[in-house]
């Protein structure tokens, strides 16, 4: 199995915890090869993570890691772009055919802020037919933004977990289609590569069960709103309930991340258990978030009876927050 992460130096502890979660829940898999597209990861951190991954191997199970340092991601694009406050590393997902070893046929991309809780065999062997990309739907993307991208009546997908058939990717020229779409929009899209993937591949993305990209959206909104807000169907209420209890891959979306002081994310303790198994035990923890989470918890409490209003406020605030980050 091949797994890809894209990280900068600040995300090395999270990547180590994520890798540990993969290995701990897939001990029976003979080979797991990790690829890291990195942006200015320090040499000592790269060496440390490499040695750690090697230590997870034994005589019957091979665990390897390979770093692909990008240095300056803008050199891979012949047009200017504005990531609107997001780290430019997010664009590395668009360069798979250019940067990964040519002998790979399939790879599972995982954001650095994910945690694997179960065996990935079923996901890894998913038959996607002629599709280049498999992904999970994001049910809270506003209908207005979808309409602006020409996606009315078509699912919008989150790019934090992507199953990629590299043979189809090359045959379908998927990478070129995505980059051409991004360029056609002057390198300015709200969700950058995620919007470029959705806009250019509409109707061509294989839908994966959302157990493979579970985020707090499903905790914060009821089933009725998730379906009402979308012009497509999410799984039935019983399926949502079962997945919610025991998802396969957790994606720590938004600001509620378990390495931030004051976070009450329901998978926080589980994440810290994986982090504590790594050489970065206690590292990568962010202070200064307690006041934020006080307001966050009060907001969630007050908005619980008004999910539609909550979603409207969130969708209104996110662009504002991104503009502030971009100025910084």
C-alpha atoms as a PDB file:
ATOM      1  CA  UNK A   1       0.000   0.000   0.000  1.00  0.00           C
ATOM      2  CA  UNK A   2       1.264   3.462  -0.911  1.00  0.00           C
ATOM      3  CA  UNK A   3       0.298   6.493   1.178  1.00  0.00           C
ATOM      4  CA  UNK A   4       1.059  10.138   0.450  1.00  0.00           C
ATOM      5  CA  UNK A   5       1.171  13.123   2.821  1.00  0.00           C
ATOM      6  CA  UNK A   6       1.992  16.756   2.030  1.00  0.00           C
ATOM      7  CA  UNK A   7       3.493  18.670   4.957  1.00  0.00           C
ATOM      8  CA  UNK A   8       5.716  21.541   5.993  1.00  0.00           C
ATOM      9  CA  UNK A   9       8.099  21.473   8.957  1.00  0.00           C
ATOM     10  CA  UNK A  10       5.440  22.541  11.472  1.00  0.00           C
ATOM     11  CA  UNK A  11       3.373  19.454  10.665  1.00  0.00           C
ATOM     12  CA  UNK A  12       6.026  16.778  11.251  1.00  0.00           C
ATOM     13  CA  UNK A  13       4.636  15.712  14.687  1.00  0.00           C
ATOM     14  CA  UNK A  14       1.119  15.411  13.245  1.00  0.00           C
ATOM     15  CA  UNK A  15       2.433  13.413  10.289  1.00  0.00           C
ATOM     16  CA  UNK A  16       4.263  11.080  12.680  1.00  0.00           C
ATOM     17  CA  UNK A  17       1.048  10.523  14.659  1.00  0.00           C
ATOM     18  CA  UNK A  18      -0.894   9.950  11.425  1.00  0.00           C
ATOM     19  CA  UNK A  19       1.669   7.411  10.164  1.00  0.00           C
ATOM     20  CA  UNK A  20       1.573   5.638  13.512  1.00  0.00           C
ATOM     21  CA  UNK A  21      -2.218   5.369  13.313  1.00  0.00           C
ATOM     22  CA  UNK A  22      -1.912   3.759   9.870  1.00  0.00           C
ATOM     23  CA  UNK A  23       0.685   1.230  11.003  1.00  0.00           C
ATOM     24  CA  UNK A  24      -1.046   0.365  14.278  1.00  0.00           C
ATOM     25  CA  UNK A  25      -4.284  -0.494  12.485  1.00  0.00           C
ATOM     26  CA  UNK A  26      -2.741  -2.271   9.500  1.00  0.00           C
ATOM     27  CA  UNK A  27      -0.193  -4.554  11.157  1.00  0.00           C
ATOM     28  CA  UNK A  28      -1.030  -7.460   8.886  1.00  0.00           C
ATOM     29  CA  UNK A  29      -0.205  -5.563   5.685  1.00  0.00           C
ATOM     30  CA  UNK A  30       3.100  -6.810   4.254  1.00  0.00           C
ATOM     31  CA  UNK A  31       4.263  -3.499   2.810  1.00  0.00           C
ATOM     32  CA  UNK A  32       3.342   0.103   3.517  1.00  0.00           C
ATOM     33  CA  UNK A  33       5.291   2.760   1.646  1.00  0.00           C
ATOM     34  CA  UNK A  34       4.908   6.372   2.772  1.00  0.00           C
ATOM     35  CA  UNK A  35       5.677   9.303   0.499  1.00  0.00           C
ATOM     36  CA  UNK A  36       6.051  12.806   1.883  1.00  0.00           C
ATOM     37  CA  UNK A  37       5.843  15.812  -0.394  1.00  0.00           C
ATOM     38  CA  UNK A  38       7.492  18.333   1.876  1.00  0.00           C
ATOM     39  CA  UNK A  39       7.945  22.076   1.886  1.00  0.00           C
ATOM     40  CA  UNK A  40      11.049  23.159   3.803  1.00  0.00           C
ATOM     41  CA  UNK A  41      11.121  20.289   6.289  1.00  0.00           C
ATOM     42  CA  UNK A  42      14.347  20.502   8.280  1.00  0.00           C
ATOM     43  CA  UNK A  43      16.950  17.865   7.474  1.00  0.00           C
ATOM     44  CA  UNK A  44      17.117  16.664  11.076  1.00  0.00           C
ATOM     45  CA  UNK A  45      13.337  16.221  11.208  1.00  0.00           C
ATOM     46  CA  UNK A  46      13.366  14.336   7.916  1.00  0.00           C
ATOM     47  CA  UNK A  47      16.085  12.011   9.217  1.00  0.00           C
ATOM     48  CA  UNK A  48      14.268  11.503  12.510  1.00  0.00           C
ATOM     49  CA  UNK A  49      10.980  10.593  10.828  1.00  0.00           C
ATOM     50  CA  UNK A  50      12.765   8.270   8.392  1.00  0.00           C
ATOM     51  CA  UNK A  51      14.436   6.378  11.233  1.00  0.00           C
ATOM     52  CA  UNK A  52      11.156   6.164  13.127  1.00  0.00           C
ATOM     53  CA  UNK A  53       9.259   4.668  10.182  1.00  0.00           C
ATOM     54  CA  UNK A  54      12.040   2.135   9.608  1.00  0.00           C
ATOM     55  CA  UNK A  55      11.762   1.101  13.252  1.00  0.00           C
ATOM     56  CA  UNK A  56       8.140   0.080  12.586  1.00  0.00           C
ATOM     57  CA  UNK A  57       9.304  -2.667  10.187  1.00  0.00           C
ATOM     58  CA  UNK A  58       9.991  -6.266  11.137  1.00  0.00           C
ATOM     59  CA  UNK A  59      11.122  -9.385   9.285  1.00  0.00           C
ATOM     60  CA  UNK A  60       7.692  -9.875   7.681  1.00  0.00           C
ATOM     61  CA  UNK A  61       6.341  -6.346   7.404  1.00  0.00           C
ATOM     62  CA  UNK A  62       8.152  -3.568   5.558  1.00  0.00           C
ATOM     63  CA  UNK A  63       7.581   0.099   6.352  1.00  0.00           C
ATOM     64  CA  UNK A  64       9.436   2.689   4.273  1.00  0.00           C
ATOM     65  CA  UNK A  65       9.306   6.444   3.757  1.00  0.00           C
ATOM     66  CA  UNK A  66      10.525   8.700   0.956  1.00  0.00           C
ATOM     67  CA  UNK A  67      10.679  12.489   1.045  1.00  0.00           C
ATOM     68  CA  UNK A  68      10.081  14.596  -2.052  1.00  0.00           C
ATOM     69  CA  UNK A  69      11.216  18.116  -1.163  1.00  0.00           C
ATOM     70  CA  UNK A  70       9.439  20.796  -3.188  1.00  0.00           C
ATOM     71  CA  UNK A  71      11.466  23.822  -2.000  1.00  0.00           C
ATOM     72  CA  UNK A  72       9.434  26.358  -4.012  1.00  0.00           C
ATOM     73  CA  UNK A  73       6.087  25.072  -5.227  1.00  0.00           C
ATOM     74  CA  UNK A  74       5.557  28.029  -7.565  1.00  0.00           C
ATOM     75  CA  UNK A  75       8.232  26.664  -9.926  1.00  0.00           C
ATOM     76  CA  UNK A  76       5.850  23.851 -10.906  1.00  0.00           C
ATOM     77  CA  UNK A  77       3.224  26.293 -12.227  1.00  0.00           C
ATOM     78  CA  UNK A  78       3.603  28.622 -15.199  1.00  0.00           C
ATOM     79  CA  UNK A  79       1.009  31.047 -13.819  1.00  0.00           C
ATOM     80  CA  UNK A  80       0.654  33.020 -10.604  1.00  0.00           C
ATOM     81  CA  UNK A  81      -1.719  31.867  -7.870  1.00  0.00           C
ATOM     82  CA  UNK A  82      -3.104  33.082  -4.568  1.00  0.00           C
ATOM     83  CA  UNK A  83      -3.854  30.393  -1.961  1.00  0.00           C
ATOM     84  CA  UNK A  84      -5.910  32.861   0.135  1.00  0.00           C
ATOM     85  CA  UNK A  85      -4.268  32.110   3.472  1.00  0.00           C
ATOM     86  CA  UNK A  86      -3.780  28.389   2.930  1.00  0.00           C
ATOM     87  CA  UNK A  87      -0.225  27.040   2.963  1.00  0.00           C
ATOM     88  CA  UNK A  88       0.980  26.566  -0.665  1.00  0.00           C
ATOM     89  CA  UNK A  89       1.742  22.907   0.159  1.00  0.00           C
ATOM     90  CA  UNK A  90      -1.949  22.183  -0.535  1.00  0.00           C
ATOM     91  CA  UNK A  91      -1.186  22.480  -4.247  1.00  0.00           C
ATOM     92  CA  UNK A  92       1.208  19.511  -4.153  1.00  0.00           C
ATOM     93  CA  UNK A  93      -1.786  17.212  -4.675  1.00  0.00           C
ATOM     94  CA  UNK A  94      -1.987  18.494  -8.233  1.00  0.00           C
ATOM     95  CA  UNK A  95       1.538  17.318  -9.096  1.00  0.00           C
ATOM     96  CA  UNK A  96       1.249  13.576  -8.583  1.00  0.00           C
ATOM     97  CA  UNK A  97       2.232  12.545 -12.088  1.00  0.00           C
ATOM     98  CA  UNK A  98       5.222  14.881 -12.040  1.00  0.00           C
ATOM     99  CA  UNK A  99       6.698  14.041  -8.656  1.00  0.00           C
ATOM    100  CA  UNK A 100       5.824  10.472  -7.661  1.00  0.00           C
ATOM    101  CA  UNK A 101       7.850   7.433  -8.823  1.00  0.00           C
ATOM    102  CA  UNK A 102       6.716   6.330 -12.283  1.00  0.00           C
ATOM    103  CA  UNK A 103       6.246   2.691 -11.229  1.00  0.00           C
ATOM    104  CA  UNK A 104       3.363   3.441  -8.821  1.00  0.00           C
ATOM    105  CA  UNK A 105      -0.115   2.412  -9.966  1.00  0.00           C
ATOM    106  CA  UNK A 106      -2.211   3.563  -6.995  1.00  0.00           C
ATOM    107  CA  UNK A 107      -1.731   5.811  -3.989  1.00  0.00           C
ATOM    108  CA  UNK A 108      -3.863   6.893  -1.038  1.00  0.00           C
ATOM    109  CA  UNK A 109      -3.502  10.579  -0.262  1.00  0.00           C
ATOM    110  CA  UNK A 110      -4.163  11.597   3.349  1.00  0.00           C
ATOM    111  CA  UNK A 111      -4.038  15.087   4.815  1.00  0.00           C
ATOM    112  CA  UNK A 112      -1.546  15.516   7.642  1.00  0.00           C
ATOM    113  CA  UNK A 113      -4.477  16.234   9.978  1.00  0.00           C
ATOM    114  CA  UNK A 114      -6.022  12.767   9.625  1.00  0.00           C
ATOM    115  CA  UNK A 115      -6.018   9.736  11.914  1.00  0.00           C
ATOM    116  CA  UNK A 116      -6.667   6.163  10.795  1.00  0.00           C
ATOM    117  CA  UNK A 117      -8.636   3.957  13.207  1.00  0.00           C
ATOM    118  CA  UNK A 118      -9.226   0.775  11.196  1.00  0.00           C
ATOM    119  CA  UNK A 119      -7.780  -1.533   8.563  1.00  0.00           C
ATOM    120  CA  UNK A 120      -7.514   0.098   5.126  1.00  0.00           C
ATOM    121  CA  UNK A 121      -7.551  -3.035   2.960  1.00  0.00           C
ATOM    122  CA  UNK A 122     -11.122  -2.566   1.739  1.00  0.00           C
ATOM    123  CA  UNK A 123     -10.501   1.077   0.855  1.00  0.00           C
ATOM    124  CA  UNK A 124      -7.178   0.303  -0.824  1.00  0.00           C
ATOM    125  CA  UNK A 125      -8.714  -2.356  -3.092  1.00  0.00           C
ATOM    126  CA  UNK A 126     -11.802  -0.317  -4.054  1.00  0.00           C
ATOM    127  CA  UNK A 127     -12.648  -0.797  -7.726  1.00  0.00           C
ATOM    128  CA  UNK A 128     -13.105   2.705  -9.145  1.00  0.00           C
ATOM    129  CA  UNK A 129     -13.522   1.633 -12.762  1.00  0.00           C
ATOM    130  CA  UNK A 130     -12.145   4.311 -15.067  1.00  0.00           C
ATOM    131  CA  UNK A 131     -12.202   7.046 -12.409  1.00  0.00           C
ATOM    132  CA  UNK A 132      -8.878   8.645 -11.521  1.00  0.00           C
ATOM    133  CA  UNK A 133     -10.009   9.841  -8.096  1.00  0.00           C
ATOM    134  CA  UNK A 134     -12.105   8.445  -5.265  1.00  0.00           C
ATOM    135  CA  UNK A 135     -13.225  10.840  -2.517  1.00  0.00           C
ATOM    136  CA  UNK A 136     -15.861  11.448   0.151  1.00  0.00           C
ATOM    137  CA  UNK A 137     -18.585  14.051  -0.265  1.00  0.00           C
ATOM    138  CA  UNK A 138     -18.550  17.243   1.765  1.00  0.00           C
ATOM    139  CA  UNK A 139     -22.212  17.858   2.635  1.00  0.00           C
ATOM    140  CA  UNK A 140     -21.937  21.416   3.972  1.00  0.00           C
ATOM    141  CA  UNK A 141     -20.514  23.135   0.896  1.00  0.00           C
ATOM    142  CA  UNK A 142     -22.950  25.956   0.205  1.00  0.00           C
ATOM    143  CA  UNK A 143     -25.268  25.567  -2.763  1.00  0.00           C
ATOM    144  CA  UNK A 144     -24.331  29.070  -3.896  1.00  0.00           C
ATOM    145  CA  UNK A 145     -20.635  28.210  -4.121  1.00  0.00           C
ATOM    146  CA  UNK A 146     -21.434  24.947  -5.893  1.00  0.00           C
ATOM    147  CA  UNK A 147     -23.577  26.812  -8.428  1.00  0.00           C
ATOM    148  CA  UNK A 148     -20.725  29.252  -9.079  1.00  0.00           C
ATOM    149  CA  UNK A 149     -18.521  26.269  -9.984  1.00  0.00           C
ATOM    150  CA  UNK A 150     -21.194  24.701 -12.191  1.00  0.00           C
ATOM    151  CA  UNK A 151     -21.819  21.908  -9.688  1.00  0.00           C
ATOM    152  CA  UNK A 152     -25.545  22.271  -9.065  1.00  0.00           C
ATOM    153  CA  UNK A 153     -26.955  18.771  -8.700  1.00  0.00           C
ATOM    154  CA  UNK A 154     -23.440  17.289  -8.596  1.00  0.00           C
ATOM    155  CA  UNK A 155     -21.670  16.191  -5.400  1.00  0.00           C
ATOM    156  CA  UNK A 156     -18.843  18.320  -3.995  1.00  0.00           C
ATOM    157  CA  UNK A 157     -15.951  16.345  -2.495  1.00  0.00           C
ATOM    158  CA  UNK A 158     -13.448  16.968   0.276  1.00  0.00           C
ATOM    159  CA  UNK A 159      -9.831  16.542  -0.867  1.00  0.00           C
ATOM    160  CA  UNK A 160      -8.423  15.525   2.530  1.00  0.00           C
ATOM    161  CA  UNK A 161      -8.645  11.828   1.622  1.00  0.00           C
ATOM    162  CA  UNK A 162      -8.150  10.814  -2.004  1.00  0.00           C
ATOM    163  CA  UNK A 163      -7.786   7.344  -3.449  1.00  0.00           C
ATOM    164  CA  UNK A 164      -5.923   7.862  -6.710  1.00  0.00           C
ATOM    165  CA  UNK A 165      -5.552   5.452  -9.596  1.00  0.00           C
ATOM    166  CA  UNK A 166      -2.339   6.764 -11.131  1.00  0.00           C
ATOM    167  CA  UNK A 167      -2.765   4.768 -14.341  1.00  0.00           C
ATOM    168  CA  UNK A 168      -6.151   6.410 -14.959  1.00  0.00           C
ATOM    169  CA  UNK A 169      -4.754   9.757 -13.780  1.00  0.00           C
ATOM    170  CA  UNK A 170      -2.148   9.629 -16.544  1.00  0.00           C
ATOM    171  CA  UNK A 171      -4.406   8.115 -19.209  1.00  0.00           C
ATOM    172  CA  UNK A 172      -7.165  10.673 -18.557  1.00  0.00           C
ATOM    173  CA  UNK A 173      -4.678  13.560 -18.215  1.00  0.00           C
ATOM    174  CA  UNK A 174      -6.374  14.331 -14.908  1.00  0.00           C
ATOM    175  CA  UNK A 175      -3.509  16.442 -13.588  1.00  0.00           C
ATOM    176  CA  UNK A 176      -3.547  18.648 -16.695  1.00  0.00           C
ATOM    177  CA  UNK A 177      -7.322  19.075 -16.502  1.00  0.00           C
ATOM    178  CA  UNK A 178      -7.137  20.177 -12.871  1.00  0.00           C
ATOM    179  CA  UNK A 179      -4.274  22.614 -13.410  1.00  0.00           C
ATOM    180  CA  UNK A 180      -5.903  24.031 -16.552  1.00  0.00           C
ATOM    181  CA  UNK A 181      -9.081  24.668 -14.538  1.00  0.00           C
ATOM    182  CA  UNK A 182      -7.070  26.374 -11.808  1.00  0.00           C
ATOM    183  CA  UNK A 183      -5.289  28.551 -14.369  1.00  0.00           C
ATOM    184  CA  UNK A 184      -8.561  29.403 -16.107  1.00  0.00           C
ATOM    185  CA  UNK A 185      -9.722  30.837 -12.778  1.00  0.00           C
ATOM    186  CA  UNK A 186      -6.556  32.967 -12.507  1.00  0.00           C
ATOM    187  CA  UNK A 187      -5.110  30.807  -9.724  1.00  0.00           C
ATOM    188  CA  UNK A 188      -7.743  32.184  -7.357  1.00  0.00           C
ATOM    189  CA  UNK A 189     -10.210  29.671  -5.980  1.00  0.00           C
ATOM    190  CA  UNK A 190     -11.779  29.671  -2.528  1.00  0.00           C
ATOM    191  CA  UNK A 191     -10.575  26.163  -1.660  1.00  0.00           C
ATOM    192  CA  UNK A 192      -7.654  26.126  -4.106  1.00  0.00           C
ATOM    193  CA  UNK A 193      -6.834  22.588  -5.243  1.00  0.00           C
ATOM    194  CA  UNK A 194     -10.046  21.171  -3.758  1.00  0.00           C
ATOM    195  CA  UNK A 195     -12.179  23.500  -5.880  1.00  0.00           C
ATOM    196  CA  UNK A 196      -9.958  22.814  -8.896  1.00  0.00           C
ATOM    197  CA  UNK A 197     -10.409  19.059  -8.448  1.00  0.00           C
ATOM    198  CA  UNK A 198     -14.181  19.368  -8.061  1.00  0.00           C
ATOM    199  CA  UNK A 199     -14.633  21.871 -10.865  1.00  0.00           C
ATOM    200  CA  UNK A 200     -12.514  20.039 -13.416  1.00  0.00           C
ATOM    201  CA  UNK A 201     -13.612  16.505 -12.523  1.00  0.00           C
ATOM    202  CA  UNK A 202     -17.334  17.047 -12.022  1.00  0.00           C
ATOM    203  CA  UNK A 203     -19.229  13.840 -12.598  1.00  0.00           C
ATOM    204  CA  UNK A 204     -15.991  11.850 -12.805  1.00  0.00           C
ATOM    205  CA  UNK A 205     -15.099  11.363  -9.119  1.00  0.00           C
ATOM    206  CA  UNK A 206     -15.826   7.998  -7.505  1.00  0.00           C
ATOM    207  CA  UNK A 207     -17.831   8.413  -4.281  1.00  0.00           C
ATOM    208  CA  UNK A 208     -16.270   6.734  -1.244  1.00  0.00           C
ATOM    209  CA  UNK A 209     -18.232   6.071   1.994  1.00  0.00           C
ATOM    210  CA  UNK A 210     -17.783   8.987   4.377  1.00  0.00           C
ATOM    211  CA  UNK A 211     -16.364   6.656   7.030  1.00  0.00           C
ATOM    212  CA  UNK A 212     -13.073   7.294   5.203  1.00  0.00           C
ATOM    213  CA  UNK A 213     -13.222  11.054   5.741  1.00  0.00           C
ATOM    214  CA  UNK A 214     -15.183  11.641   8.919  1.00  0.00           C
ATOM    215  CA  UNK A 215     -15.131  15.151  10.352  1.00  0.00           C
ATOM    216  CA  UNK A 216     -17.019  17.110  12.979  1.00  0.00           C
ATOM    217  CA  UNK A 217     -19.613  18.255  10.441  1.00  0.00           C
ATOM    218  CA  UNK A 218     -21.406  14.989  11.145  1.00  0.00           C
ATOM    219  CA  UNK A 219     -21.318  15.691  14.885  1.00  0.00           C
ATOM    220  CA  UNK A 220     -22.497  19.281  14.620  1.00  0.00           C
ATOM    221  CA  UNK A 221     -25.385  18.914  12.159  1.00  0.00           C
ATOM    222  CA  UNK A 222     -28.352  16.585  12.156  1.00  0.00           C
ATOM    223  CA  UNK A 223     -29.059  14.191   9.329  1.00  0.00           C
ATOM    224  CA  UNK A 224     -32.039  16.219   8.131  1.00  0.00           C
ATOM    225  CA  UNK A 225     -29.920  19.319   7.554  1.00  0.00           C
ATOM    226  CA  UNK A 226     -27.133  17.360   5.861  1.00  0.00           C
ATOM    227  CA  UNK A 227     -29.607  16.095   3.274  1.00  0.00           C
ATOM    228  CA  UNK A 228     -31.615  19.312   3.007  1.00  0.00           C
ATOM    229  CA  UNK A 229     -28.513  21.396   2.414  1.00  0.00           C
ATOM    230  CA  UNK A 230     -27.376  19.134  -0.420  1.00  0.00           C
ATOM    231  CA  UNK A 231     -28.959  18.538  -3.784  1.00  0.00           C
ATOM    232  CA  UNK A 232     -27.734  14.940  -3.617  1.00  0.00           C
ATOM    233  CA  UNK A 233     -28.190  12.196  -1.042  1.00  0.00           C
ATOM    234  CA  UNK A 234     -25.854  11.226   1.784  1.00  0.00           C
ATOM    235  CA  UNK A 235     -26.223   7.705   3.292  1.00  0.00           C
ATOM    236  CA  UNK A 236     -29.420   6.837   5.163  1.00  0.00           C
ATOM    237  CA  UNK A 237     -29.835   7.893   8.814  1.00  0.00           C
ATOM    238  CA  UNK A 238     -29.006   4.400  10.114  1.00  0.00           C
ATOM    239  CA  UNK A 239     -25.751   4.309   8.126  1.00  0.00           C
ATOM    240  CA  UNK A 240     -24.826   7.796   9.321  1.00  0.00           C
ATOM    241  CA  UNK A 241     -25.466   6.744  12.918  1.00  0.00           C
ATOM    242  CA  UNK A 242     -23.313   3.613  12.624  1.00  0.00           C
ATOM    243  CA  UNK A 243     -20.446   5.399  10.906  1.00  0.00           C
ATOM    244  CA  UNK A 244     -20.629   8.240  13.402  1.00  0.00           C
ATOM    245  CA  UNK A 245     -20.073   5.785  16.268  1.00  0.00           C
ATOM    246  CA  UNK A 246     -17.022   4.138  14.750  1.00  0.00           C
ATOM    247  CA  UNK A 247     -15.509   5.841  11.663  1.00  0.00           C
ATOM    248  CA  UNK A 248     -12.413   4.575   9.869  1.00  0.00           C
ATOM    249  CA  UNK A 249     -10.534   7.807   9.155  1.00  0.00           C
ATOM    250  CA  UNK A 250     -10.895  10.991  11.188  1.00  0.00           C
ATOM    251  CA  UNK A 251     -10.179  14.280   9.444  1.00  0.00           C
ATOM    252  CA  UNK A 252      -9.575  17.096  11.915  1.00  0.00           C
ATOM    253  CA  UNK A 253     -11.165  19.862   9.853  1.00  0.00           C
ATOM    254  CA  UNK A 254     -11.467  23.473  10.909  1.00  0.00           C
ATOM    255  CA  UNK A 255      -9.881  24.898  14.025  1.00  0.00           C
ATOM    256  CA  UNK A 256     -10.953  22.124  16.418  1.00  0.00           C
ATOM    257  CA  UNK A 257      -7.779  20.060  16.347  1.00  0.00           C
ATOM    258  CA  UNK A 258      -6.652  17.754  19.176  1.00  0.00           C
ATOM    259  CA  UNK A 259      -3.144  19.237  19.400  1.00  0.00           C
ATOM    260  CA  UNK A 260      -4.556  22.623  20.359  1.00  0.00           C
ATOM    261  CA  UNK A 261      -4.874  23.556  24.014  1.00  0.00           C
ATOM    262  CA  UNK A 262      -8.525  23.569  25.038  1.00  0.00           C
ATOM    263  CA  UNK A 263      -9.825  21.328  22.248  1.00  0.00           C
ATOM    264  CA  UNK A 264     -12.600  18.940  23.278  1.00  0.00           C
ATOM    265  CA  UNK A 265     -12.624  16.994  20.043  1.00  0.00           C
ATOM    266  CA  UNK A 266     -14.134  13.607  20.850  1.00  0.00           C
ATOM    267  CA  UNK A 267     -11.166  11.787  19.305  1.00  0.00           C
ATOM    268  CA  UNK A 268      -8.574  13.952  21.075  1.00  0.00           C
ATOM    269  CA  UNK A 269      -7.390  11.291  23.546  1.00  0.00           C
ATOM    270  CA  UNK A 270      -7.137   8.687  20.810  1.00  0.00           C
ATOM    271  CA  UNK A 271      -4.999  11.031  18.710  1.00  0.00           C
ATOM    272  CA  UNK A 272      -2.695  11.756  21.650  1.00  0.00           C
ATOM    273  CA  UNK A 273      -2.202   8.024  22.187  1.00  0.00           C
ATOM    274  CA  UNK A 274      -0.758   7.750  18.680  1.00  0.00           C
ATOM    275  CA  UNK A 275       1.358  10.879  19.116  1.00  0.00           C
ATOM    276  CA  UNK A 276       2.747   9.489  22.392  1.00  0.00           C
ATOM    277  CA  UNK A 277       4.072   6.425  20.548  1.00  0.00           C
ATOM    278  CA  UNK A 278       6.295   8.631  18.381  1.00  0.00           C
ATOM    279  CA  UNK A 279       9.565  10.486  19.132  1.00  0.00           C
ATOM    280  CA  UNK A 280       7.426  13.667  19.098  1.00  0.00           C
ATOM    281  CA  UNK A 281       5.492  12.794  22.251  1.00  0.00           C
ATOM    282  CA  UNK A 282       4.138  16.048  23.645  1.00  0.00           C
ATOM    283  CA  UNK A 283       5.413  17.997  20.618  1.00  0.00           C
ATOM    284  CA  UNK A 284       3.461  19.985  18.083  1.00  0.00           C
ATOM    285  CA  UNK A 285       0.983  21.055  20.753  1.00  0.00           C
ATOM    286  CA  UNK A 286      -0.333  24.589  20.247  1.00  0.00           C
ATOM    287  CA  UNK A 287      -0.996  26.919  23.163  1.00  0.00           C
ATOM    288  CA  UNK A 288      -3.057  30.100  23.213  1.00  0.00           C
ATOM    289  CA  UNK A 289      -6.297  28.465  22.117  1.00  0.00           C
ATOM    290  CA  UNK A 290      -8.199  28.230  25.408  1.00  0.00           C
ATOM    291  CA  UNK A 291     -10.124  31.486  24.971  1.00  0.00           C
ATOM    292  CA  UNK A 292     -11.006  30.548  21.404  1.00  0.00           C
ATOM    293  CA  UNK A 293     -12.439  27.204  22.512  1.00  0.00           C
ATOM    294  CA  UNK A 294     -14.412  28.869  25.310  1.00  0.00           C
ATOM    295  CA  UNK A 295     -16.192  30.962  22.662  1.00  0.00           C
ATOM    296  CA  UNK A 296     -16.398  27.940  20.332  1.00  0.00           C
ATOM    297  CA  UNK A 297     -18.135  25.783  22.943  1.00  0.00           C
ATOM    298  CA  UNK A 298     -20.578  28.556  23.880  1.00  0.00           C
ATOM    299  CA  UNK A 299     -21.324  29.159  20.185  1.00  0.00           C
ATOM    300  CA  UNK A 300     -22.028  25.464  19.594  1.00  0.00           C
ATOM    301  CA  UNK A 301     -24.295  25.308  22.646  1.00  0.00           C
ATOM    302  CA  UNK A 302     -26.301  28.362  21.601  1.00  0.00           C
ATOM    303  CA  UNK A 303     -26.549  27.266  17.975  1.00  0.00           C
ATOM    304  CA  UNK A 304     -27.590  23.674  18.645  1.00  0.00           C
ATOM    305  CA  UNK A 305     -31.334  24.449  18.191  1.00  0.00           C
ATOM    306  CA  UNK A 306     -30.569  26.542  15.076  1.00  0.00           C
ATOM    307  CA  UNK A 307     -28.396  24.413  12.753  1.00  0.00           C
ATOM    308  CA  UNK A 308     -29.348  26.328   9.594  1.00  0.00           C
ATOM    309  CA  UNK A 309     -28.321  29.621  11.201  1.00  0.00           C
ATOM    310  CA  UNK A 310     -25.116  28.018  12.473  1.00  0.00           C
ATOM    311  CA  UNK A 311     -24.186  26.816   8.993  1.00  0.00           C
ATOM    312  CA  UNK A 312     -24.901  30.259   7.532  1.00  0.00           C
ATOM    313  CA  UNK A 313     -22.679  31.948  10.123  1.00  0.00           C
ATOM    314  CA  UNK A 314     -19.841  29.473   9.560  1.00  0.00           C
ATOM    315  CA  UNK A 315     -19.989  29.805   5.767  1.00  0.00           C
ATOM    316  CA  UNK A 316     -19.972  33.600   6.170  1.00  0.00           C
ATOM    317  CA  UNK A 317     -17.064  33.708   8.614  1.00  0.00           C
ATOM    318  CA  UNK A 318     -14.685  31.283   6.895  1.00  0.00           C
ATOM    319  CA  UNK A 319     -13.824  33.622   3.971  1.00  0.00           C
ATOM    320  CA  UNK A 320     -13.239  36.457   6.459  1.00  0.00           C
ATOM    321  CA  UNK A 321     -10.867  34.329   8.550  1.00  0.00           C
ATOM    322  CA  UNK A 322      -8.966  33.254   5.445  1.00  0.00           C
ATOM    323  CA  UNK A 323      -8.483  36.883   4.369  1.00  0.00           C
ATOM    324  CA  UNK A 324      -7.070  37.696   7.797  1.00  0.00           C
ATOM    325  CA  UNK A 325      -4.674  34.726   7.562  1.00  0.00           C
ATOM    326  CA  UNK A 326      -3.609  35.803   4.072  1.00  0.00           C
ATOM    327  CA  UNK A 327      -2.663  39.285   5.351  1.00  0.00           C
ATOM    328  CA  UNK A 328      -0.521  37.709   8.071  1.00  0.00           C
END
